[in-house]
Amino acid sequence: MAEPEFTATGVRIGKRLRSLTRAGQVRISEGRLELLTSYGSEIDSAPVQAVRASRPWFAPEDRALADLNGKRYSLTLGDHEPAPGEPGPPAARRFIEAVRRASGRGA
């Protein structure tokens, strides 16, 4: 199994006004974007070429939107403080750039 191109843990994943998980995981690996619960169950996944990632207007730096399979998910990356000595969680900008890179659309 190849090394994931992007991984973020502790991600709040929501759909419309409903929170699906407060400590989920976002992973880009082998050409697919996966949204996972904190237990590792799949919420949704799609080929990265079919995913649209963006930042919502007037939102904090840690928020991103991801459109997968006709559904829009709200992602909050960096919702918590990192543990001492641990690097901080990836920002929404890094997630959007990773989706563009993986899909071949450039950064």
PDB file of N, CA and C in Angstrom:
ATOM      1  N   MET A   1       0.843  -1.177   0.000  1.00  0.00           N
ATOM      2  CA  MET A   1       0.000   0.000   0.000  1.00  0.00           C
ATOM      3  C   MET A   1       0.885   1.236   0.000  1.00  0.00           C
ATOM      4  N   ALA A   2       0.588   2.171  -0.860  1.00  0.00           N
ATOM      5  CA  ALA A   2       1.399   3.377  -0.998  1.00  0.00           C
ATOM      6  C   ALA A   2       1.160   4.332   0.170  1.00  0.00           C
ATOM      7  N   GLU A   3       2.137   5.171   0.409  1.00  0.00           N
ATOM      8  CA  GLU A   3       2.047   6.199   1.440  1.00  0.00           C
ATOM      9  C   GLU A   3       0.974   7.214   1.036  1.00  0.00           C
ATOM     10  N   PRO A   4       0.058   7.609   1.953  1.00  0.00           N
ATOM     11  CA  PRO A   4      -0.961   8.596   1.600  1.00  0.00           C
ATOM     12  C   PRO A   4      -0.323   9.927   1.202  1.00  0.00           C
ATOM     13  N   GLU A   5      -0.921  10.584   0.211  1.00  0.00           N
ATOM     14  CA  GLU A   5      -0.422  11.875  -0.243  1.00  0.00           C
ATOM     15  C   GLU A   5      -0.814  12.986   0.723  1.00  0.00           C
ATOM     16  N   PHE A   6      -1.925  12.800   1.444  1.00  0.00           N
ATOM     17  CA  PHE A   6      -2.392  13.774   2.417  1.00  0.00           C
ATOM     18  C   PHE A   6      -3.198  13.036   3.471  1.00  0.00           C
ATOM     19  N   THR A   7      -2.962  13.356   4.730  1.00  0.00           N
ATOM     20  CA  THR A   7      -3.731  12.783   5.836  1.00  0.00           C
ATOM     21  C   THR A   7      -3.953  13.871   6.876  1.00  0.00           C
ATOM     22  N   ALA A   8      -5.171  13.955   7.350  1.00  0.00           N
ATOM     23  CA  ALA A   8      -5.497  14.865   8.443  1.00  0.00           C
ATOM     24  C   ALA A   8      -6.396  14.117   9.411  1.00  0.00           C
ATOM     25  N   THR A   9      -6.077  14.182  10.684  1.00  0.00           N
ATOM     26  CA  THR A   9      -6.893  13.548  11.709  1.00  0.00           C
ATOM     27  C   THR A   9      -7.503  14.619  12.593  1.00  0.00           C
ATOM     28  N   GLY A  10      -8.492  14.255  13.360  1.00  0.00           N
ATOM     29  CA  GLY A  10      -9.153  15.223  14.237  1.00  0.00           C
ATOM     30  C   GLY A  10      -9.968  16.230  13.452  1.00  0.00           C
ATOM     31  N   VAL A  11     -10.504  15.806  12.322  1.00  0.00           N
ATOM     32  CA  VAL A  11     -11.242  16.697  11.431  1.00  0.00           C
ATOM     33  C   VAL A  11     -12.733  16.621  11.740  1.00  0.00           C
ATOM     34  N   ARG A  12     -13.356  17.774  11.882  1.00  0.00           N
ATOM     35  CA  ARG A  12     -14.812  17.826  12.040  1.00  0.00           C
ATOM     36  C   ARG A  12     -15.413  17.762  10.645  1.00  0.00           C
ATOM     37  N   ILE A  13     -16.255  16.762  10.401  1.00  0.00           N
ATOM     38  CA  ILE A  13     -16.882  16.566   9.094  1.00  0.00           C
ATOM     39  C   ILE A  13     -18.385  16.735   9.265  1.00  0.00           C
ATOM     40  N   GLY A  14     -18.961  17.624   8.468  1.00  0.00           N
ATOM     41  CA  GLY A  14     -20.390  17.868   8.545  1.00  0.00           C
ATOM     42  C   GLY A  14     -21.019  17.897   7.168  1.00  0.00           C
ATOM     43  N   LYS A  15     -22.329  17.733   7.156  1.00  0.00           N
ATOM     44  CA  LYS A  15     -23.095  17.792   5.920  1.00  0.00           C
ATOM     45  C   LYS A  15     -24.308  18.660   6.208  1.00  0.00           C
ATOM     46  N   ARG A  16     -24.376  19.792   5.534  1.00  0.00           N
ATOM     47  CA  ARG A  16     -25.385  20.817   5.813  1.00  0.00           C
ATOM     48  C   ARG A  16     -25.245  21.255   7.264  1.00  0.00           C
ATOM     49  N   LEU A  17     -26.302  21.175   8.050  1.00  0.00           N
ATOM     50  CA  LEU A  17     -26.217  21.598   9.452  1.00  0.00           C
ATOM     51  C   LEU A  17     -25.937  20.437  10.395  1.00  0.00           C
ATOM     52  N   ARG A  18     -25.722  19.242   9.845  1.00  0.00           N
ATOM     53  CA  ARG A  18     -25.533  18.044  10.655  1.00  0.00           C
ATOM     54  C   ARG A  18     -24.055  17.679  10.766  1.00  0.00           C
ATOM     55  N   SER A  19     -23.591  17.450  11.978  1.00  0.00           N
ATOM     56  CA  SER A  19     -22.229  16.995  12.198  1.00  0.00           C
ATOM     57  C   SER A  19     -22.183  15.481  12.081  1.00  0.00           C
ATOM     58  N   LEU A  20     -21.302  14.973  11.211  1.00  0.00           N
ATOM     59  CA  LEU A  20     -21.165  13.525  11.038  1.00  0.00           C
ATOM     60  C   LEU A  20     -20.128  12.949  11.992  1.00  0.00           C
ATOM     61  N   THR A  21     -19.058  13.694  12.246  1.00  0.00           N
ATOM     62  CA  THR A  21     -18.037  13.285  13.213  1.00  0.00           C
ATOM     63  C   THR A  21     -17.246  14.514  13.643  1.00  0.00           C
ATOM     64  N   ARG A  22     -16.776  14.491  14.875  1.00  0.00           N
ATOM     65  CA  ARG A  22     -15.965  15.598  15.378  1.00  0.00           C
ATOM     66  C   ARG A  22     -14.484  15.265  15.387  1.00  0.00           C
ATOM     67  N   ALA A  23     -14.142  14.029  15.122  1.00  0.00           N
ATOM     68  CA  ALA A  23     -12.734  13.625  15.156  1.00  0.00           C
ATOM     69  C   ALA A  23     -12.454  12.673  13.999  1.00  0.00           C
ATOM     70  N   GLY A  24     -12.896  13.046  12.818  1.00  0.00           N
ATOM     71  CA  GLY A  24     -12.741  12.189  11.649  1.00  0.00           C
ATOM     72  C   GLY A  24     -11.365  12.289  11.022  1.00  0.00           C
ATOM     73  N   GLN A  25     -11.262  11.658   9.877  1.00  0.00           N
ATOM     74  CA  GLN A  25      -9.990  11.631   9.154  1.00  0.00           C
ATOM     75  C   GLN A  25     -10.257  11.876   7.678  1.00  0.00           C
ATOM     76  N   VAL A  26      -9.366  12.663   7.058  1.00  0.00           N
ATOM     77  CA  VAL A  26      -9.403  12.909   5.622  1.00  0.00           C
ATOM     78  C   VAL A  26      -8.109  12.351   5.055  1.00  0.00           C
ATOM     79  N   ARG A  27      -8.236  11.536   4.000  1.00  0.00           N
ATOM     80  CA  ARG A  27      -7.047  10.911   3.441  1.00  0.00           C
ATOM     81  C   ARG A  27      -7.121  10.916   1.919  1.00  0.00           C
ATOM     82  N   ILE A  28      -6.012  11.291   1.282  1.00  0.00           N
ATOM     83  CA  ILE A  28      -5.871  11.168  -0.165  1.00  0.00           C
ATOM     84  C   ILE A  28      -4.793  10.124  -0.386  1.00  0.00           C
ATOM     85  N   SER A  29      -5.193   9.018  -1.014  1.00  0.00           N
ATOM     86  CA  SER A  29      -4.274   7.917  -1.242  1.00  0.00           C
ATOM     87  C   SER A  29      -4.681   7.174  -2.502  1.00  0.00           C
ATOM     88  N   GLU A  30      -3.694   6.843  -3.326  1.00  0.00           N
ATOM     89  CA  GLU A  30      -3.904   6.064  -4.542  1.00  0.00           C
ATOM     90  C   GLU A  30      -5.006   6.638  -5.422  1.00  0.00           C
ATOM     91  N   GLY A  31      -5.044   7.976  -5.533  1.00  0.00           N
ATOM     92  CA  GLY A  31      -5.998   8.621  -6.423  1.00  0.00           C
ATOM     93  C   GLY A  31      -7.415   8.733  -5.895  1.00  0.00           C
ATOM     94  N   ARG A  32      -7.632   8.497  -4.600  1.00  0.00           N
ATOM     95  CA  ARG A  32      -8.965   8.602  -4.002  1.00  0.00           C
ATOM     96  C   ARG A  32      -8.931   9.492  -2.771  1.00  0.00           C
ATOM     97  N   LEU A  33     -10.000  10.238  -2.594  1.00  0.00           N
ATOM     98  CA  LEU A  33     -10.200  11.023  -1.375  1.00  0.00           C
ATOM     99  C   LEU A  33     -11.176  10.250  -0.508  1.00  0.00           C
ATOM    100  N   GLU A  34     -10.811  10.019   0.745  1.00  0.00           N
ATOM    101  CA  GLU A  34     -11.665   9.281   1.671  1.00  0.00           C
ATOM    102  C   GLU A  34     -11.971  10.142   2.881  1.00  0.00           C
ATOM    103  N   LEU A  35     -13.232  10.165   3.282  1.00  0.00           N
ATOM    104  CA  LEU A  35     -13.660  10.791   4.523  1.00  0.00           C
ATOM    105  C   LEU A  35     -14.022   9.658   5.469  1.00  0.00           C
ATOM    106  N   LEU A  36     -13.367   9.605   6.617  1.00  0.00           N
ATOM    107  CA  LEU A  36     -13.539   8.495   7.558  1.00  0.00           C
ATOM    108  C   LEU A  36     -13.979   9.002   8.927  1.00  0.00           C
ATOM    109  N   THR A  37     -14.704   8.164   9.662  1.00  0.00           N
ATOM    110  CA  THR A  37     -15.056   8.496  11.036  1.00  0.00           C
ATOM    111  C   THR A  37     -13.833   8.287  11.922  1.00  0.00           C
ATOM    112  N   SER A  38     -13.977   8.614  13.191  1.00  0.00           N
ATOM    113  CA  SER A  38     -12.876   8.414  14.130  1.00  0.00           C
ATOM    114  C   SER A  38     -12.570   6.928  14.326  1.00  0.00           C
ATOM    115  N   TYR A  39     -13.521   6.057  13.999  1.00  0.00           N
ATOM    116  CA  TYR A  39     -13.315   4.617  14.122  1.00  0.00           C
ATOM    117  C   TYR A  39     -12.787   3.988  12.840  1.00  0.00           C
ATOM    118  N   GLY A  40     -12.621   4.792  11.792  1.00  0.00           N
ATOM    119  CA  GLY A  40     -12.097   4.288  10.540  1.00  0.00           C
ATOM    120  C   GLY A  40     -13.156   3.846   9.542  1.00  0.00           C
ATOM    121  N   SER A  41     -14.430   3.986   9.882  1.00  0.00           N
ATOM    122  CA  SER A  41     -15.507   3.649   8.948  1.00  0.00           C
ATOM    123  C   SER A  41     -15.597   4.737   7.877  1.00  0.00           C
ATOM    124  N   GLU A  42     -15.894   4.319   6.674  1.00  0.00           N
ATOM    125  CA  GLU A  42     -15.959   5.271   5.571  1.00  0.00           C
ATOM    126  C   GLU A  42     -17.273   6.042   5.579  1.00  0.00           C
ATOM    127  N   ILE A  43     -17.179   7.356   5.524  1.00  0.00           N
ATOM    128  CA  ILE A  43     -18.350   8.217   5.366  1.00  0.00           C
ATOM    129  C   ILE A  43     -18.653   8.337   3.883  1.00  0.00           C
ATOM    130  N   ASP A  44     -17.613   8.654   3.105  1.00  0.00           N
ATOM    131  CA  ASP A  44     -17.744   8.793   1.652  1.00  0.00           C
ATOM    132  C   ASP A  44     -16.352   8.753   1.046  1.00  0.00           C
ATOM    133  N   SER A  45     -16.278   8.390  -0.230  1.00  0.00           N
ATOM    134  CA  SER A  45     -15.011   8.443  -0.950  1.00  0.00           C
ATOM    135  C   SER A  45     -15.311   8.604  -2.428  1.00  0.00           C
ATOM    136  N   ALA A  46     -14.331   9.124  -3.151  1.00  0.00           N
ATOM    137  CA  ALA A  46     -14.489   9.346  -4.586  1.00  0.00           C
ATOM    138  C   ALA A  46     -13.115   9.474  -5.211  1.00  0.00           C
ATOM    139  N   PRO A  47     -13.012   9.220  -6.527  1.00  0.00           N
ATOM    140  CA  PRO A  47     -11.752   9.483  -7.213  1.00  0.00           C
ATOM    141  C   PRO A  47     -11.439  10.976  -7.096  1.00  0.00           C
ATOM    142  N   VAL A  48     -10.193  11.280  -6.854  1.00  0.00           N
ATOM    143  CA  VAL A  48      -9.822  12.669  -6.587  1.00  0.00           C
ATOM    144  C   VAL A  48     -10.111  13.586  -7.790  1.00  0.00           C
ATOM    145  N   GLN A  49     -10.145  13.047  -9.010  1.00  0.00           N
ATOM    146  CA  GLN A  49     -10.464  13.858 -10.185  1.00  0.00           C
ATOM    147  C   GLN A  49     -11.916  14.340 -10.154  1.00  0.00           C
ATOM    148  N   ALA A  50     -12.793  13.617  -9.447  1.00  0.00           N
ATOM    149  CA  ALA A  50     -14.201  13.975  -9.369  1.00  0.00           C
ATOM    150  C   ALA A  50     -14.530  14.841  -8.153  1.00  0.00           C
ATOM    151  N   VAL A  51     -13.527  15.187  -7.358  1.00  0.00           N
ATOM    152  CA  VAL A  51     -13.733  15.965  -6.134  1.00  0.00           C
ATOM    153  C   VAL A  51     -13.475  17.442  -6.408  1.00  0.00           C
ATOM    154  N   ARG A  52     -14.326  18.287  -5.860  1.00  0.00           N
ATOM    155  CA  ARG A  52     -14.092  19.723  -5.924  1.00  0.00           C
ATOM    156  C   ARG A  52     -13.872  20.226  -4.502  1.00  0.00           C
ATOM    157  N   ALA A  53     -12.742  20.869  -4.265  1.00  0.00           N
ATOM    158  CA  ALA A  53     -12.405  21.384  -2.937  1.00  0.00           C
ATOM    159  C   ALA A  53     -12.261  22.898  -3.019  1.00  0.00           C
ATOM    160  N   SER A  54     -12.793  23.593  -2.010  1.00  0.00           N
ATOM    161  CA  SER A  54     -12.722  25.056  -1.992  1.00  0.00           C
ATOM    162  C   SER A  54     -12.810  25.542  -0.548  1.00  0.00           C
ATOM    163  N   ARG A  55     -12.594  26.840  -0.402  1.00  0.00           N
ATOM    164  CA  ARG A  55     -12.751  27.484   0.906  1.00  0.00           C
ATOM    165  C   ARG A  55     -14.011  28.317   0.875  1.00  0.00           C
ATOM    166  N   PRO A  56     -14.854  28.225   1.912  1.00  0.00           N
ATOM    167  CA  PRO A  56     -16.052  29.066   1.938  1.00  0.00           C
ATOM    168  C   PRO A  56     -15.689  30.527   2.196  1.00  0.00           C
ATOM    169  N   TRP A  57     -16.487  31.407   1.659  1.00  0.00           N
ATOM    170  CA  TRP A  57     -16.256  32.840   1.887  1.00  0.00           C
ATOM    171  C   TRP A  57     -16.505  33.169   3.346  1.00  0.00           C
ATOM    172  N   PHE A  58     -15.770  34.111   3.860  1.00  0.00           N
ATOM    173  CA  PHE A  58     -15.943  34.636   5.214  1.00  0.00           C
ATOM    174  C   PHE A  58     -15.910  33.544   6.275  1.00  0.00           C
ATOM    175  N   ALA A  59     -15.040  32.583   6.085  1.00  0.00           N
ATOM    176  CA  ALA A  59     -14.891  31.504   7.065  1.00  0.00           C
ATOM    177  C   ALA A  59     -13.465  31.517   7.604  1.00  0.00           C
ATOM    178  N   PRO A  60     -13.259  30.972   8.792  1.00  0.00           N
ATOM    179  CA  PRO A  60     -11.895  30.903   9.339  1.00  0.00           C
ATOM    180  C   PRO A  60     -10.963  30.091   8.438  1.00  0.00           C
ATOM    181  N   GLU A  61      -9.669  30.256   8.651  1.00  0.00           N
ATOM    182  CA  GLU A  61      -8.634  29.596   7.839  1.00  0.00           C
ATOM    183  C   GLU A  61      -8.698  28.075   7.873  1.00  0.00           C
ATOM    184  N   ASP A  62      -9.320  27.510   8.903  1.00  0.00           N
ATOM    185  CA  ASP A  62      -9.315  26.056   9.045  1.00  0.00           C
ATOM    186  C   ASP A  62     -10.513  25.365   8.387  1.00  0.00           C
ATOM    187  N   ARG A  63     -11.329  26.090   7.646  1.00  0.00           N
ATOM    188  CA  ARG A  63     -12.522  25.510   7.025  1.00  0.00           C
ATOM    189  C   ARG A  63     -12.336  25.269   5.538  1.00  0.00           C
ATOM    190  N   ALA A  64     -12.898  24.154   5.065  1.00  0.00           N
ATOM    191  CA  ALA A  64     -12.872  23.821   3.640  1.00  0.00           C
ATOM    192  C   ALA A  64     -14.178  23.127   3.281  1.00  0.00           C
ATOM    193  N   LEU A  65     -14.517  23.168   2.005  1.00  0.00           N
ATOM    194  CA  LEU A  65     -15.669  22.453   1.478  1.00  0.00           C
ATOM    195  C   LEU A  65     -15.168  21.403   0.512  1.00  0.00           C
ATOM    196  N   ALA A  66     -15.791  20.241   0.526  1.00  0.00           N
ATOM    197  CA  ALA A  66     -15.439  19.178  -0.411  1.00  0.00           C
ATOM    198  C   ALA A  66     -16.731  18.623  -1.008  1.00  0.00           C
ATOM    199  N   ASP A  67     -16.814  18.628  -2.337  1.00  0.00           N
ATOM    200  CA  ASP A  67     -17.964  18.058  -3.043  1.00  0.00           C
ATOM    201  C   ASP A  67     -17.567  16.687  -3.559  1.00  0.00           C
ATOM    202  N   LEU A  68     -18.232  15.649  -3.043  1.00  0.00           N
ATOM    203  CA  LEU A  68     -17.983  14.257  -3.444  1.00  0.00           C
ATOM    204  C   LEU A  68     -19.310  13.622  -3.803  1.00  0.00           C
ATOM    205  N   ASN A  69     -19.370  12.974  -4.939  1.00  0.00           N
ATOM    206  CA  ASN A  69     -20.553  12.211  -5.335  1.00  0.00           C
ATOM    207  C   ASN A  69     -21.851  13.019  -5.206  1.00  0.00           C
ATOM    208  N   GLY A  70     -21.798  14.303  -5.538  1.00  0.00           N
ATOM    209  CA  GLY A  70     -22.988  15.139  -5.485  1.00  0.00           C
ATOM    210  C   GLY A  70     -23.363  15.617  -4.099  1.00  0.00           C
ATOM    211  N   LYS A  71     -22.536  15.353  -3.103  1.00  0.00           N
ATOM    212  CA  LYS A  71     -22.802  15.792  -1.728  1.00  0.00           C
ATOM    213  C   LYS A  71     -21.723  16.775  -1.303  1.00  0.00           C
ATOM    214  N   ARG A  72     -22.113  17.811  -0.590  1.00  0.00           N
ATOM    215  CA  ARG A  72     -21.158  18.802  -0.094  1.00  0.00           C
ATOM    216  C   ARG A  72     -20.893  18.567   1.389  1.00  0.00           C
ATOM    217  N   TYR A  73     -19.606  18.425   1.702  1.00  0.00           N
ATOM    218  CA  TYR A  73     -19.179  18.220   3.083  1.00  0.00           C
ATOM    219  C   TYR A  73     -18.406  19.439   3.561  1.00  0.00           C
ATOM    220  N   SER A  74     -18.656  19.819   4.788  1.00  0.00           N
ATOM    221  CA  SER A  74     -17.916  20.901   5.433  1.00  0.00           C
ATOM    222  C   SER A  74     -16.831  20.263   6.297  1.00  0.00           C
ATOM    223  N   LEU A  75     -15.597  20.700   6.101  1.00  0.00           N
ATOM    224  CA  LEU A  75     -14.470  20.147   6.846  1.00  0.00           C
ATOM    225  C   LEU A  75     -13.842  21.242   7.699  1.00  0.00           C
ATOM    226  N   THR A  76     -13.594  20.944   8.944  1.00  0.00           N
ATOM    227  CA  THR A  76     -12.868  21.855   9.824  1.00  0.00           C
ATOM    228  C   THR A  76     -11.566  21.175  10.188  1.00  0.00           C
ATOM    229  N   LEU A  77     -10.489  21.636   9.564  1.00  0.00           N
ATOM    230  CA  LEU A  77      -9.162  21.067   9.787  1.00  0.00           C
ATOM    231  C   LEU A  77      -8.422  21.987  10.748  1.00  0.00           C
ATOM    232  N   GLY A  78      -7.988  21.485  11.863  1.00  0.00           N
ATOM    233  CA  GLY A  78      -7.259  22.336  12.805  1.00  0.00           C
ATOM    234  C   GLY A  78      -8.177  22.885  13.866  1.00  0.00           C
ATOM    235  N   ASP A  79      -9.176  22.119  14.246  1.00  0.00           N
ATOM    236  CA  ASP A  79     -10.172  22.525  15.220  1.00  0.00           C
ATOM    237  C   ASP A  79      -9.641  22.469  16.651  1.00  0.00           C
ATOM    238  N   HIS A  80      -8.499  21.825  16.848  1.00  0.00           N
ATOM    239  CA  HIS A  80      -7.983  21.602  18.193  1.00  0.00           C
ATOM    240  C   HIS A  80      -6.503  21.974  18.269  1.00  0.00           C
ATOM    241  N   GLU A  81      -6.027  22.122  19.476  1.00  0.00           N
ATOM    242  CA  GLU A  81      -4.609  22.404  19.702  1.00  0.00           C
ATOM    243  C   GLU A  81      -3.815  21.106  19.613  1.00  0.00           C
ATOM    244  N   PRO A  82      -2.645  21.118  18.966  1.00  0.00           N
ATOM    245  CA  PRO A  82      -1.847  19.895  18.900  1.00  0.00           C
ATOM    246  C   PRO A  82      -1.238  19.559  20.264  1.00  0.00           C
ATOM    247  N   ALA A  83      -0.936  18.301  20.444  1.00  0.00           N
ATOM    248  CA  ALA A  83      -0.277  17.869  21.671  1.00  0.00           C
ATOM    249  C   ALA A  83       1.125  18.473  21.722  1.00  0.00           C
ATOM    250  N   PRO A  84       1.688  18.674  22.908  1.00  0.00           N
ATOM    251  CA  PRO A  84       3.037  19.233  22.994  1.00  0.00           C
ATOM    252  C   PRO A  84       4.039  18.390  22.209  1.00  0.00           C
ATOM    253  N   GLY A  85       4.830  19.051  21.385  1.00  0.00           N
ATOM    254  CA  GLY A  85       5.833  18.372  20.585  1.00  0.00           C
ATOM    255  C   GLY A  85       5.305  17.825  19.274  1.00  0.00           C
ATOM    256  N   GLU A  86       4.002  17.883  19.045  1.00  0.00           N
ATOM    257  CA  GLU A  86       3.399  17.397  17.805  1.00  0.00           C
ATOM    258  C   GLU A  86       3.181  18.559  16.846  1.00  0.00           C
ATOM    259  N   PRO A  87       3.346  18.323  15.536  1.00  0.00           N
ATOM    260  CA  PRO A  87       3.056  19.394  14.592  1.00  0.00           C
ATOM    261  C   PRO A  87       1.559  19.687  14.567  1.00  0.00           C
ATOM    262  N   GLY A  88       1.199  20.895  14.236  1.00  0.00           N
ATOM    263  CA  GLY A  88      -0.201  21.282  14.172  1.00  0.00           C
ATOM    264  C   GLY A  88      -0.922  20.601  13.029  1.00  0.00           C
ATOM    265  N   PRO A  89      -2.244  20.547  13.092  1.00  0.00           N
ATOM    266  CA  PRO A  89      -3.002  19.913  12.030  1.00  0.00           C
ATOM    267  C   PRO A  89      -2.906  20.721  10.736  1.00  0.00           C
ATOM    268  N   PRO A  90      -3.075  20.064   9.592  1.00  0.00           N
ATOM    269  CA  PRO A  90      -2.967  20.769   8.323  1.00  0.00           C
ATOM    270  C   PRO A  90      -4.095  21.777   8.155  1.00  0.00           C
ATOM    271  N   ALA A  91      -3.792  22.876   7.537  1.00  0.00           N
ATOM    272  CA  ALA A  91      -4.787  23.909   7.290  1.00  0.00           C
ATOM    273  C   ALA A  91      -5.601  23.553   6.053  1.00  0.00           C
ATOM    274  N   ALA A  92      -6.715  24.225   5.899  1.00  0.00           N
ATOM    275  CA  ALA A  92      -7.595  23.996   4.752  1.00  0.00           C
ATOM    276  C   ALA A  92      -6.862  24.250   3.440  1.00  0.00           C
ATOM    277  N   ARG A  93      -5.998  25.238   3.417  1.00  0.00           N
ATOM    278  CA  ARG A  93      -5.259  25.566   2.186  1.00  0.00           C
ATOM    279  C   ARG A  93      -4.407  24.379   1.727  1.00  0.00           C
ATOM    280  N   ARG A  94      -3.747  23.697   2.665  1.00  0.00           N
ATOM    281  CA  ARG A  94      -2.934  22.524   2.312  1.00  0.00           C
ATOM    282  C   ARG A  94      -3.806  21.395   1.774  1.00  0.00           C
ATOM    283  N   PHE A  95      -5.003  21.226   2.328  1.00  0.00           N
ATOM    284  CA  PHE A  95      -5.930  20.206   1.841  1.00  0.00           C
ATOM    285  C   PHE A  95      -6.344  20.508   0.399  1.00  0.00           C
ATOM    286  N   ILE A  96      -6.715  21.735   0.130  1.00  0.00           N
ATOM    287  CA  ILE A  96      -7.153  22.128  -1.216  1.00  0.00           C
ATOM    288  C   ILE A  96      -6.018  21.952  -2.212  1.00  0.00           C
ATOM    289  N   GLU A  97      -4.809  22.348  -1.833  1.00  0.00           N
ATOM    290  CA  GLU A  97      -3.650  22.167  -2.713  1.00  0.00           C
ATOM    291  C   GLU A  97      -3.375  20.685  -2.966  1.00  0.00           C
ATOM    292  N   ALA A  98      -3.535  19.846  -1.945  1.00  0.00           N
ATOM    293  CA  ALA A  98      -3.304  18.405  -2.111  1.00  0.00           C
ATOM    294  C   ALA A  98      -4.316  17.795  -3.074  1.00  0.00           C
ATOM    295  N   VAL A  99      -5.579  18.234  -3.004  1.00  0.00           N
ATOM    296  CA  VAL A  99      -6.598  17.732  -3.935  1.00  0.00           C
ATOM    297  C   VAL A  99      -6.248  18.138  -5.352  1.00  0.00           C
ATOM    298  N   ARG A 100      -5.836  19.369  -5.546  1.00  0.00           N
ATOM    299  CA  ARG A 100      -5.482  19.839  -6.893  1.00  0.00           C
ATOM    300  C   ARG A 100      -4.261  19.120  -7.448  1.00  0.00           C
ATOM    301  N   ARG A 101      -3.251  18.912  -6.599  1.00  0.00           N
ATOM    302  CA  ARG A 101      -2.049  18.188  -7.021  1.00  0.00           C
ATOM    303  C   ARG A 101      -2.367  16.759  -7.410  1.00  0.00           C
ATOM    304  N   ALA A 102      -3.141  16.074  -6.564  1.00  0.00           N
ATOM    305  CA  ALA A 102      -3.457  14.663  -6.804  1.00  0.00           C
ATOM    306  C   ALA A 102      -4.317  14.466  -8.046  1.00  0.00           C
ATOM    307  N   SER A 103      -5.133  15.468  -8.365  1.00  0.00           N
ATOM    308  CA  SER A 103      -6.010  15.343  -9.521  1.00  0.00           C
ATOM    309  C   SER A 103      -5.334  15.811 -10.805  1.00  0.00           C
ATOM    310  N   GLY A 104      -4.126  16.378 -10.671  1.00  0.00           N
ATOM    311  CA  GLY A 104      -3.396  16.832 -11.848  1.00  0.00           C
ATOM    312  C   GLY A 104      -3.789  18.219 -12.315  1.00  0.00           C
ATOM    313  N   ARG A 105      -4.516  18.967 -11.470  1.00  0.00           N
ATOM    314  CA  ARG A 105      -4.939  20.329 -11.828  1.00  0.00           C
ATOM    315  C   ARG A 105      -3.925  21.391 -11.420  1.00  0.00           C
ATOM    316  N   GLY A 106      -2.797  20.990 -10.820  1.00  0.00           N
ATOM    317  CA  GLY A 106      -1.787  21.950 -10.386  1.00  0.00           C
ATOM    318  C   GLY A 106      -2.099  22.495  -9.016  1.00  0.00           C
ATOM    319  N   ALA A 107      -1.114  23.201  -8.421  1.00  0.00           N
ATOM    320  CA  ALA A 107      -1.307  23.720  -7.071  1.00  0.00           C
ATOM    321  C   ALA A 107      -1.672  25.115  -7.032  1.00  0.00           C
TER     322      ALA A 107
END
